[in-house]
Amino acid sequence: FGVDAVRYYLLSAIPFAQDGTITYEDFITKYNADLANTLGNLVNRTIAMTKKYFGGIVPAPTAPEALDDELKAVALGLPAAVEKKMDTLHVADAIDEVFALLRRSNKYIDETMPWALAKDESKHARLATVLYNLLETIRVCGTLLTPFMPDTCDKMFAQIGADAACHTWESAAQWGVLPAEAAVH
């Protein structure tokens, strides 16, 4: 599973100042639910759609809709929420804050249906905006997860074309940092 997965499990599964039980079965369950399904699925789907619909180039977001505002608001509020939890040493709760945004992003995919947008040429700009928003969400979440899973997050940044300036702690509180025209891998 790798060091990052074990680190993630140990930091996220045991609540602050409480005893915890560590089992192989719980590890597998948490790994599959959080790392494979929530994080991995979001990254893989977003990268695959960016490659398929935009030739692997980060599209410019030119057709925002009201649905995007909620996603952005959650993302922009996330650094402060994570910092607040970390200040009180509630590491598992801080990680859960990030995974709440990742789960919301997966729901955003279901709500916006990029595969349907791709079938209608008049919706091309909207599709670009949806995919950009997903890539930005991955960038923000990756930045905030870096202390817990550094190798995994470095791989995510490389996949979405985020250079070092795109994943500083300060940049996590900003939207639109990932440059359009960057290449995804």
Protein backbone atom coordinates (compact mmCIF):
# COMPACT_ATOMS: atom_id res chain seq x y z
CA PHE A 1 0.00 0.00 0.00
CA GLY A 2 2.90 2.35 0.53
CA VAL A 3 3.99 4.71 3.26
CA ASP A 4 1.47 7.45 2.39
CA ALA A 5 -1.48 5.07 2.69
CA VAL A 6 -0.32 3.81 6.07
CA ARG A 7 0.37 7.36 7.26
CA TYR A 8 -3.07 8.43 6.05
CA TYR A 9 -4.77 5.55 7.85
CA LEU A 10 -2.99 6.13 11.14
CA LEU A 11 -3.62 9.88 11.10
CA SER A 12 -7.23 9.75 9.95
CA ALA A 13 -8.60 6.69 11.71
CA ILE A 14 -7.74 7.46 15.31
CA PRO A 15 -9.53 10.42 16.93
CA PHE A 16 -7.58 12.97 18.94
CA ALA A 17 -6.81 12.02 22.56
CA GLN A 18 -8.61 8.69 22.26
CA ASP A 19 -7.55 5.11 21.96
CA GLY A 20 -7.95 3.54 18.58
CA THR A 21 -8.08 0.08 17.16
CA ILE A 22 -5.93 -0.71 14.17
CA THR A 23 -6.93 -3.72 12.09
CA TYR A 24 -6.03 -4.88 8.65
CA GLU A 25 -9.72 -5.06 7.73
CA ASP A 26 -10.30 -1.44 8.80
CA PHE A 27 -7.22 -0.36 6.88
CA ILE A 28 -8.49 -2.03 3.70
CA THR A 29 -11.95 -0.53 4.15
CA LYS A 30 -10.61 2.99 4.73
CA TYR A 31 -8.08 2.65 1.92
CA ASN A 32 -10.76 1.60 -0.56
CA ALA A 33 -13.36 4.13 0.57
CA ASP A 34 -11.14 7.19 0.91
CA LEU A 35 -7.97 6.78 -1.11
CA ALA A 36 -9.16 4.59 -3.96
CA ASN A 37 -12.80 5.61 -4.37
CA THR A 38 -12.94 9.21 -3.21
CA LEU A 39 -9.50 10.64 -4.00
CA GLY A 40 -8.25 8.24 -6.66
CA ASN A 41 -11.52 8.15 -8.54
CA LEU A 42 -11.78 11.94 -8.61
CA VAL A 43 -8.23 12.41 -9.87
CA ASN A 44 -8.43 9.63 -12.45
CA ARG A 45 -11.82 10.68 -13.82
CA THR A 46 -10.83 14.33 -14.05
CA ILE A 47 -7.50 13.62 -15.74
CA ALA A 48 -9.12 11.16 -18.17
CA MET A 49 -11.84 13.64 -19.14
CA THR A 50 -9.31 16.46 -19.55
CA LYS A 51 -7.26 14.27 -21.86
CA LYS A 52 -10.28 13.05 -23.80
CA TYR A 53 -12.10 16.35 -24.24
CA PHE A 54 -9.23 18.88 -24.23
CA GLY A 55 -6.22 16.92 -25.45
CA GLY A 56 -4.64 16.93 -22.00
CA ILE A 57 -4.53 20.71 -21.68
CA VAL A 58 -6.09 22.46 -18.68
CA PRO A 59 -9.04 24.40 -20.11
CA ALA A 60 -9.84 28.00 -19.26
CA PRO A 61 -13.00 28.46 -17.18
CA THR A 62 -15.19 30.80 -19.22
CA ALA A 63 -18.74 29.63 -18.50
CA PRO A 64 -19.41 29.65 -14.74
CA GLU A 65 -22.81 28.78 -13.29
CA ALA A 66 -24.32 29.08 -9.83
CA LEU A 67 -23.50 25.44 -9.04
CA ASP A 68 -19.81 26.32 -9.24
CA ASP A 69 -20.11 28.93 -6.50
CA GLU A 70 -20.82 26.35 -3.79
CA LEU A 71 -17.83 24.24 -4.78
CA LYS A 72 -15.57 27.31 -4.80
CA ALA A 73 -16.89 28.52 -1.44
CA VAL A 74 -16.19 25.18 0.19
CA ALA A 75 -12.70 25.09 -1.35
CA LEU A 76 -11.87 28.65 -0.31
CA GLY A 77 -13.03 28.04 3.26
CA LEU A 78 -11.12 24.78 3.56
CA PRO A 79 -7.65 26.08 4.51
CA ALA A 80 -9.02 27.98 7.50
CA ALA A 81 -11.08 24.97 8.59
CA VAL A 82 -8.04 22.69 8.34
CA GLU A 83 -5.84 25.16 10.22
CA LYS A 84 -8.43 25.45 13.00
CA LYS A 85 -8.50 21.67 13.43
CA MET A 86 -4.71 21.40 13.31
CA ASP A 87 -4.28 24.18 15.87
CA THR A 88 -6.13 21.99 18.36
CA LEU A 89 -4.28 18.83 17.20
CA HIS A 90 -7.41 17.28 15.71
CA VAL A 91 -5.55 15.78 12.78
CA ALA A 92 -8.22 13.22 11.85
CA ASP A 93 -10.83 15.98 11.76
CA ALA A 94 -8.57 18.17 9.61
CA ILE A 95 -8.16 15.35 7.12
CA ASP A 96 -11.92 14.73 7.14
CA GLU A 97 -12.47 18.39 6.21
CA VAL A 98 -10.40 17.83 3.06
CA PHE A 99 -12.17 14.60 2.23
CA ALA A 100 -15.54 16.35 2.59
CA LEU A 101 -14.49 18.60 -0.32
CA LEU A 102 -13.28 15.59 -2.30
CA ARG A 103 -16.65 13.88 -1.78
CA ARG A 104 -18.39 17.12 -2.79
CA SER A 105 -16.27 17.23 -5.94
CA ASN A 106 -17.31 13.71 -6.89
CA LYS A 107 -20.93 14.78 -6.40
CA TYR A 108 -20.22 17.85 -8.58
CA ILE A 109 -19.24 15.48 -11.39
CA ASP A 110 -22.57 13.70 -11.05
CA GLU A 111 -24.44 17.02 -11.00
CA THR A 112 -22.67 18.59 -13.99
CA MET A 113 -22.38 15.40 -16.08
CA PRO A 114 -19.31 16.33 -18.15
CA TRP A 115 -19.87 13.36 -20.47
CA ALA A 116 -23.25 14.84 -21.44
CA LEU A 117 -21.77 18.32 -21.87
CA ALA A 118 -19.15 16.83 -24.21
CA LYS A 119 -21.86 15.59 -26.57
CA ASP A 120 -23.17 19.11 -27.19
CA GLU A 121 -20.71 21.45 -28.94
CA SER A 122 -22.61 24.47 -27.63
CA LYS A 123 -21.71 23.32 -24.09
CA HIS A 124 -17.95 23.16 -24.75
CA ALA A 125 -17.19 26.27 -22.65
CA ARG A 126 -19.27 24.90 -19.78
CA LEU A 127 -17.42 21.58 -19.99
CA ALA A 128 -14.12 23.48 -19.82
CA THR A 129 -15.27 25.31 -16.70
CA VAL A 130 -16.43 22.11 -14.99
CA LEU A 131 -13.13 20.37 -15.63
CA TYR A 132 -11.13 23.41 -14.56
CA ASN A 133 -13.10 23.55 -11.31
CA LEU A 134 -12.36 19.89 -10.66
CA LEU A 135 -8.65 20.35 -11.36
CA GLU A 136 -8.56 23.37 -9.04
CA THR A 137 -10.29 21.36 -6.32
CA ILE A 138 -7.71 18.60 -6.70
CA ARG A 139 -4.95 21.23 -6.41
CA VAL A 140 -6.41 22.74 -3.24
CA CYS A 141 -7.01 19.34 -1.62
CA GLY A 142 -3.57 18.11 -2.63
CA THR A 143 -1.97 21.15 -1.07
CA LEU A 144 -3.79 20.58 2.20
CA LEU A 145 -3.09 16.83 2.19
CA THR A 146 0.63 17.23 1.49
CA PRO A 147 1.68 17.13 5.17
CA PHE A 148 -0.08 13.78 5.51
CA MET A 149 0.64 12.16 2.12
CA PRO A 150 3.57 14.00 0.51
CA ASP A 151 4.49 11.47 -2.17
CA THR A 152 0.88 10.95 -3.27
CA CYS A 153 0.28 14.70 -3.47
CA ASP A 154 3.47 15.27 -5.47
CA LYS A 155 2.21 12.71 -7.98
CA MET A 156 -1.18 14.45 -8.11
CA PHE A 157 0.45 17.82 -8.74
CA ALA A 158 2.49 16.34 -11.59
CA GLN A 159 -0.66 14.78 -13.05
CA ILE A 160 -2.61 18.04 -13.08
CA GLY A 161 0.30 20.15 -14.32
CA ALA A 162 0.68 22.17 -11.11
CA ASP A 163 4.12 23.69 -10.70
CA ALA A 164 5.56 24.48 -7.26
CA ALA A 165 3.90 27.92 -7.14
CA CYS A 166 0.49 26.27 -7.54
CA HIS A 167 0.64 24.27 -4.34
CA THR A 168 1.97 26.54 -1.64
CA TRP A 169 -0.02 26.79 1.56
CA GLU A 170 -0.95 30.39 0.72
CA SER A 171 -2.26 29.37 -2.71
CA ALA A 172 -4.71 26.91 -1.16
CA ALA A 173 -6.88 29.84 -0.07
CA GLN A 174 -7.08 31.20 -3.63
CA TRP A 175 -9.16 30.04 -6.57
CA GLY A 176 -7.90 30.07 -10.14
CA VAL A 177 -4.23 29.44 -9.38
CA LEU A 178 -3.81 26.47 -11.73
CA PRO A 179 -2.86 28.01 -15.06
CA ALA A 180 -5.05 27.24 -18.05
CA GLU A 181 -3.00 25.66 -20.83
CA ALA A 182 -0.97 23.54 -18.39
CA ALA A 183 -0.62 19.94 -19.49
CA VAL A 184 -2.12 17.09 -17.50
CA HIS A 185 -0.37 13.73 -17.43
